N, C-alpha and C. Protein backbone atom coordinates (compact mmCIF):
# COMPACT_ATOMS: atom_id res chain seq x y z
N UNK A 1 15.06 -4.26 12.92
CA UNK A 1 14.87 -4.51 11.53
C UNK A 1 13.45 -4.41 11.16
N UNK A 2 13.13 -3.56 10.21
CA UNK A 2 11.78 -3.37 9.75
C UNK A 2 11.68 -3.89 8.32
N UNK A 3 10.79 -4.87 8.08
CA UNK A 3 10.60 -5.48 6.77
C UNK A 3 9.24 -5.20 6.25
N UNK A 4 9.19 -4.70 4.98
CA UNK A 4 7.88 -4.57 4.34
C UNK A 4 7.55 -5.93 3.69
N UNK A 5 6.54 -6.55 4.21
CA UNK A 5 6.11 -7.87 3.77
C UNK A 5 5.37 -7.75 2.43
N UNK A 6 6.16 -7.51 1.34
CA UNK A 6 5.60 -7.31 -0.01
C UNK A 6 6.59 -7.95 -0.98
N UNK A 7 6.08 -8.85 -1.77
CA UNK A 7 6.99 -9.49 -2.75
C UNK A 7 6.97 -8.74 -4.04
N UNK A 8 8.20 -8.54 -4.58
CA UNK A 8 8.31 -8.06 -5.96
C UNK A 8 9.20 -9.17 -6.61
N UNK A 9 8.56 -9.95 -7.39
CA UNK A 9 9.21 -11.11 -7.95
C UNK A 9 10.05 -10.71 -9.16
N UNK A 10 11.37 -10.94 -9.09
CA UNK A 10 12.25 -10.52 -10.19
C UNK A 10 12.08 -11.49 -11.41
N UNK A 11 12.48 -11.03 -12.55
CA UNK A 11 12.30 -11.82 -13.77
C UNK A 11 13.02 -13.16 -13.67
N UNK A 12 14.14 -13.27 -13.04
CA UNK A 12 14.83 -14.50 -12.93
C UNK A 12 13.99 -15.55 -12.19
N UNK A 13 13.16 -15.11 -11.25
CA UNK A 13 12.30 -16.06 -10.52
C UNK A 13 11.08 -16.38 -11.35
N UNK A 14 10.47 -15.37 -11.98
CA UNK A 14 9.24 -15.63 -12.74
C UNK A 14 9.50 -16.47 -13.95
N UNK A 15 10.73 -16.46 -14.48
CA UNK A 15 11.16 -17.25 -15.65
C UNK A 15 11.57 -18.65 -15.22
N UNK A 16 11.61 -18.95 -13.91
CA UNK A 16 11.98 -20.22 -13.50
C UNK A 16 13.47 -20.47 -13.27
N UNK A 17 14.27 -19.40 -13.32
CA UNK A 17 15.68 -19.51 -13.17
C UNK A 17 16.19 -19.16 -11.76
N UNK A 18 15.29 -18.98 -10.84
CA UNK A 18 15.65 -18.65 -9.47
C UNK A 18 14.51 -18.95 -8.52
N UNK A 19 14.76 -18.76 -7.27
CA UNK A 19 13.73 -18.97 -6.26
C UNK A 19 13.60 -17.68 -5.42
N UNK A 20 12.42 -17.55 -4.88
CA UNK A 20 12.10 -16.36 -4.08
C UNK A 20 11.95 -16.86 -2.62
N UNK A 21 12.61 -16.28 -1.64
CA UNK A 21 12.49 -16.71 -0.30
C UNK A 21 11.11 -16.37 0.26
N UNK A 22 10.62 -17.21 1.16
CA UNK A 22 9.35 -16.87 1.82
C UNK A 22 9.62 -15.84 2.94
N UNK A 23 8.54 -15.23 3.42
CA UNK A 23 8.70 -14.21 4.51
C UNK A 23 9.33 -14.94 5.71
N UNK A 24 8.95 -16.11 6.00
CA UNK A 24 9.53 -16.80 7.17
C UNK A 24 11.00 -17.04 6.96
N UNK A 25 11.42 -17.37 5.75
CA UNK A 25 12.88 -17.56 5.46
C UNK A 25 13.63 -16.23 5.67
N UNK A 26 13.05 -15.16 5.19
CA UNK A 26 13.70 -13.86 5.35
C UNK A 26 13.77 -13.50 6.82
N UNK A 27 12.67 -13.64 7.52
CA UNK A 27 12.64 -13.32 8.93
C UNK A 27 13.66 -14.19 9.69
N UNK A 28 13.78 -15.44 9.40
CA UNK A 28 14.68 -16.34 10.10
C UNK A 28 16.13 -15.91 9.84
N UNK A 29 16.43 -15.44 8.66
CA UNK A 29 17.77 -14.97 8.37
C UNK A 29 18.15 -13.76 9.22
N UNK A 30 17.19 -12.85 9.42
CA UNK A 30 17.48 -11.66 10.20
C UNK A 30 17.44 -11.95 11.68
N UNK A 31 16.53 -12.84 12.10
CA UNK A 31 16.41 -13.09 13.56
C UNK A 31 17.75 -13.65 14.16
N UNK A 32 18.58 -14.22 13.29
CA UNK A 32 19.84 -14.70 13.79
C UNK A 32 20.83 -13.57 14.06
N UNK A 33 20.51 -12.40 13.54
CA UNK A 33 21.40 -11.25 13.64
C UNK A 33 20.89 -10.19 14.57
N UNK A 34 19.56 -10.13 14.86
CA UNK A 34 19.03 -9.13 15.79
C UNK A 34 17.72 -9.77 16.39
N UNK A 35 17.47 -9.39 17.65
CA UNK A 35 16.28 -9.88 18.28
C UNK A 35 15.04 -9.03 17.92
N UNK A 36 15.28 -7.88 17.22
CA UNK A 36 14.18 -6.97 16.96
C UNK A 36 13.84 -7.05 15.46
N UNK A 37 12.96 -7.95 15.07
CA UNK A 37 12.56 -8.07 13.66
C UNK A 37 11.03 -7.79 13.61
N UNK A 38 10.65 -6.83 12.81
CA UNK A 38 9.26 -6.47 12.63
C UNK A 38 8.88 -6.55 11.16
N UNK A 39 7.86 -7.41 10.89
CA UNK A 39 7.39 -7.58 9.49
C UNK A 39 6.03 -6.85 9.38
N UNK A 40 5.98 -5.86 8.53
CA UNK A 40 4.76 -5.06 8.35
C UNK A 40 4.26 -5.26 6.92
N UNK A 41 2.93 -5.43 6.79
CA UNK A 41 2.31 -5.56 5.47
C UNK A 41 2.02 -4.14 4.98
N UNK A 42 3.08 -3.39 4.69
CA UNK A 42 2.94 -2.00 4.28
C UNK A 42 2.07 -1.70 3.09
N UNK A 43 2.27 -2.48 2.00
CA UNK A 43 1.49 -2.31 0.78
C UNK A 43 0.03 -2.67 1.02
N UNK A 44 -0.22 -3.79 1.72
CA UNK A 44 -1.57 -4.24 1.99
C UNK A 44 -2.32 -3.29 2.83
N UNK A 45 -1.64 -2.70 3.85
CA UNK A 45 -2.31 -1.72 4.70
C UNK A 45 -2.63 -0.46 3.91
N UNK A 46 -1.67 0.00 3.08
CA UNK A 46 -1.87 1.23 2.31
C UNK A 46 -3.02 0.97 1.28
N UNK A 47 -3.06 -0.16 0.67
CA UNK A 47 -4.14 -0.46 -0.32
C UNK A 47 -5.47 -0.41 0.40
N UNK A 48 -5.58 -0.95 1.64
CA UNK A 48 -6.81 -0.94 2.38
C UNK A 48 -7.28 0.51 2.66
N UNK A 49 -6.33 1.44 2.74
CA UNK A 49 -6.63 2.83 2.96
C UNK A 49 -6.95 3.60 1.65
N UNK A 50 -6.68 2.92 0.51
CA UNK A 50 -7.09 3.51 -0.72
C UNK A 50 -5.98 3.81 -1.75
N UNK A 51 -4.66 3.66 -1.30
CA UNK A 51 -3.61 4.03 -2.22
C UNK A 51 -2.33 3.30 -1.82
N UNK A 52 -1.86 2.36 -2.62
CA UNK A 52 -0.70 1.59 -2.32
C UNK A 52 0.58 2.50 -2.24
N UNK A 53 0.54 3.67 -2.78
CA UNK A 53 1.70 4.56 -2.76
C UNK A 53 1.97 5.08 -1.34
N UNK A 54 1.04 4.91 -0.49
CA UNK A 54 1.16 5.35 0.93
C UNK A 54 1.95 4.28 1.80
N UNK A 55 2.41 3.23 1.15
CA UNK A 55 3.08 2.19 1.87
C UNK A 55 4.33 2.68 2.62
N UNK A 56 5.02 3.60 2.03
CA UNK A 56 6.24 4.13 2.71
C UNK A 56 5.88 4.88 3.98
N UNK A 57 4.76 5.53 3.95
CA UNK A 57 4.28 6.28 5.13
C UNK A 57 3.84 5.30 6.24
N UNK A 58 3.20 4.19 5.77
CA UNK A 58 2.87 3.11 6.75
C UNK A 58 4.16 2.70 7.48
N UNK A 59 5.19 2.47 6.68
CA UNK A 59 6.46 2.04 7.28
C UNK A 59 7.07 3.08 8.17
N UNK A 60 6.93 4.37 7.84
CA UNK A 60 7.41 5.43 8.73
C UNK A 60 6.69 5.37 10.04
N UNK A 61 5.39 5.15 10.03
CA UNK A 61 4.62 5.07 11.27
C UNK A 61 5.09 3.91 12.11
N UNK A 62 5.34 2.77 11.48
CA UNK A 62 5.91 1.64 12.17
C UNK A 62 7.28 1.92 12.77
N UNK A 63 8.12 2.55 11.97
CA UNK A 63 9.46 2.88 12.44
C UNK A 63 9.49 3.84 13.63
N UNK A 64 8.57 4.83 13.55
CA UNK A 64 8.55 5.79 14.64
C UNK A 64 8.17 5.05 15.97
N UNK A 65 7.27 4.09 15.87
CA UNK A 65 6.88 3.35 17.12
C UNK A 65 7.99 2.47 17.56
N UNK A 66 8.66 1.78 16.62
CA UNK A 66 9.81 0.91 16.97
C UNK A 66 10.87 1.71 17.69
N UNK A 67 11.09 2.95 17.17
CA UNK A 67 12.19 3.77 17.76
C UNK A 67 11.66 4.55 19.01
N UNK A 68 10.39 4.33 19.35
CA UNK A 68 9.77 4.97 20.50
C UNK A 68 9.84 6.47 20.43
N UNK A 69 9.58 7.05 19.24
CA UNK A 69 9.65 8.45 18.99
C UNK A 69 8.23 9.04 19.02
N UNK A 70 8.15 10.27 19.37
CA UNK A 70 6.88 11.01 19.33
C UNK A 70 6.38 11.12 17.88
N UNK A 71 5.19 10.70 17.53
CA UNK A 71 4.70 10.75 16.19
C UNK A 71 4.47 12.18 15.63
N UNK A 72 4.21 13.15 16.52
CA UNK A 72 3.86 14.47 16.04
C UNK A 72 4.90 15.14 15.11
N UNK A 73 6.15 15.14 15.40
CA UNK A 73 7.14 15.72 14.48
C UNK A 73 7.14 15.05 13.12
N UNK A 74 6.92 13.74 13.10
CA UNK A 74 6.83 13.02 11.85
C UNK A 74 5.60 13.46 11.08
N UNK A 75 4.47 13.56 11.73
CA UNK A 75 3.27 14.03 11.10
C UNK A 75 3.36 15.44 10.61
N UNK A 76 4.05 16.30 11.37
CA UNK A 76 4.30 17.69 10.96
C UNK A 76 5.07 17.74 9.63
N UNK A 77 6.07 16.92 9.51
CA UNK A 77 6.87 16.88 8.25
C UNK A 77 6.02 16.36 7.11
N UNK A 78 5.28 15.31 7.37
CA UNK A 78 4.41 14.75 6.29
C UNK A 78 3.44 15.85 5.81
N UNK A 79 2.82 16.58 6.76
CA UNK A 79 1.90 17.60 6.41
C UNK A 79 2.60 18.71 5.60
N UNK A 80 3.82 19.06 5.91
CA UNK A 80 4.57 20.11 5.21
C UNK A 80 5.04 19.64 3.81
N UNK A 81 5.20 18.35 3.61
CA UNK A 81 5.79 17.87 2.37
C UNK A 81 4.81 17.23 1.36
N UNK A 82 3.62 16.86 1.86
CA UNK A 82 2.68 16.11 1.05
C UNK A 82 1.64 17.08 0.49
N UNK A 83 1.24 16.95 -0.75
CA UNK A 83 0.18 17.83 -1.29
C UNK A 83 -1.04 17.77 -0.42
N UNK A 84 -1.68 18.90 -0.25
CA UNK A 84 -2.88 19.00 0.69
C UNK A 84 -3.91 17.87 0.43
N UNK A 85 -4.20 17.51 -0.78
CA UNK A 85 -5.22 16.51 -1.01
C UNK A 85 -4.87 15.12 -0.52
N UNK A 86 -3.56 14.88 -0.19
CA UNK A 86 -3.14 13.59 0.30
C UNK A 86 -2.74 13.57 1.73
N UNK A 87 -2.93 14.68 2.47
CA UNK A 87 -2.48 14.77 3.88
C UNK A 87 -3.25 13.78 4.69
N UNK A 88 -4.60 13.75 4.59
CA UNK A 88 -5.37 12.91 5.47
C UNK A 88 -5.04 11.38 5.21
N UNK A 89 -4.92 11.01 3.95
CA UNK A 89 -4.50 9.66 3.67
C UNK A 89 -3.17 9.27 4.30
N UNK A 90 -2.21 10.18 4.19
CA UNK A 90 -0.90 9.90 4.79
C UNK A 90 -0.91 9.93 6.27
N UNK A 91 -1.75 10.73 6.89
CA UNK A 91 -1.92 10.66 8.38
C UNK A 91 -2.48 9.32 8.77
N UNK A 92 -3.48 8.87 8.05
CA UNK A 92 -4.09 7.53 8.30
C UNK A 92 -3.07 6.41 8.06
N UNK A 93 -2.27 6.55 7.04
CA UNK A 93 -1.30 5.55 6.75
C UNK A 93 -0.22 5.48 7.89
N UNK A 94 0.23 6.65 8.32
CA UNK A 94 1.20 6.70 9.41
C UNK A 94 0.64 6.07 10.66
N UNK A 95 -0.59 6.38 10.98
CA UNK A 95 -1.26 5.82 12.17
C UNK A 95 -1.44 4.29 12.06
N UNK A 96 -1.76 3.82 10.84
CA UNK A 96 -1.91 2.42 10.66
C UNK A 96 -0.62 1.66 10.80
N UNK A 97 0.47 2.25 10.39
CA UNK A 97 1.80 1.66 10.57
C UNK A 97 2.17 1.63 12.05
N UNK A 98 1.83 2.73 12.77
CA UNK A 98 2.05 2.79 14.20
C UNK A 98 1.34 1.65 14.90
N UNK A 99 0.11 1.41 14.50
CA UNK A 99 -0.74 0.43 15.11
C UNK A 99 -0.30 -1.02 14.76
N UNK A 100 0.35 -1.15 13.56
CA UNK A 100 0.76 -2.45 13.14
C UNK A 100 1.91 -3.05 13.92
N UNK A 101 2.58 -2.24 14.67
CA UNK A 101 3.67 -2.67 15.54
C UNK A 101 3.05 -2.95 16.89
N UNK A 102 2.90 -4.25 17.17
CA UNK A 102 2.25 -4.61 18.47
C UNK A 102 3.27 -4.71 19.59
C-alpha cells in the first residue's frame, strides 16, 4: 500500500459536517489488511523540488522501489513522455520518491 500523505479537505469537513482522518488513523486502517504500508509525503517532496505537480512522479519513484523494479525503464518512459523542459525536475522527483522509501 502506497499512500500520498497529503490532505485534500472536502467541503463537508471544512463546513463542520464531517471529520477528516489523521494519517495515523488511515495507516492503522490499512495495516490491519497488509503488512506493507508506505506513507510518502509526495506533494511536500515535489514542492521542495520546485513544482507540486511532480508529486505523482515522486510516487512512481517510491512505487518502483517498493516493487523492487529497475528504475531505468521508468525514467526512460518519463523522458519520452514529459516535455523536455521538465525532464530534469521529473528525474529528481522520481529519485526523491525512490529515496523516500527506506
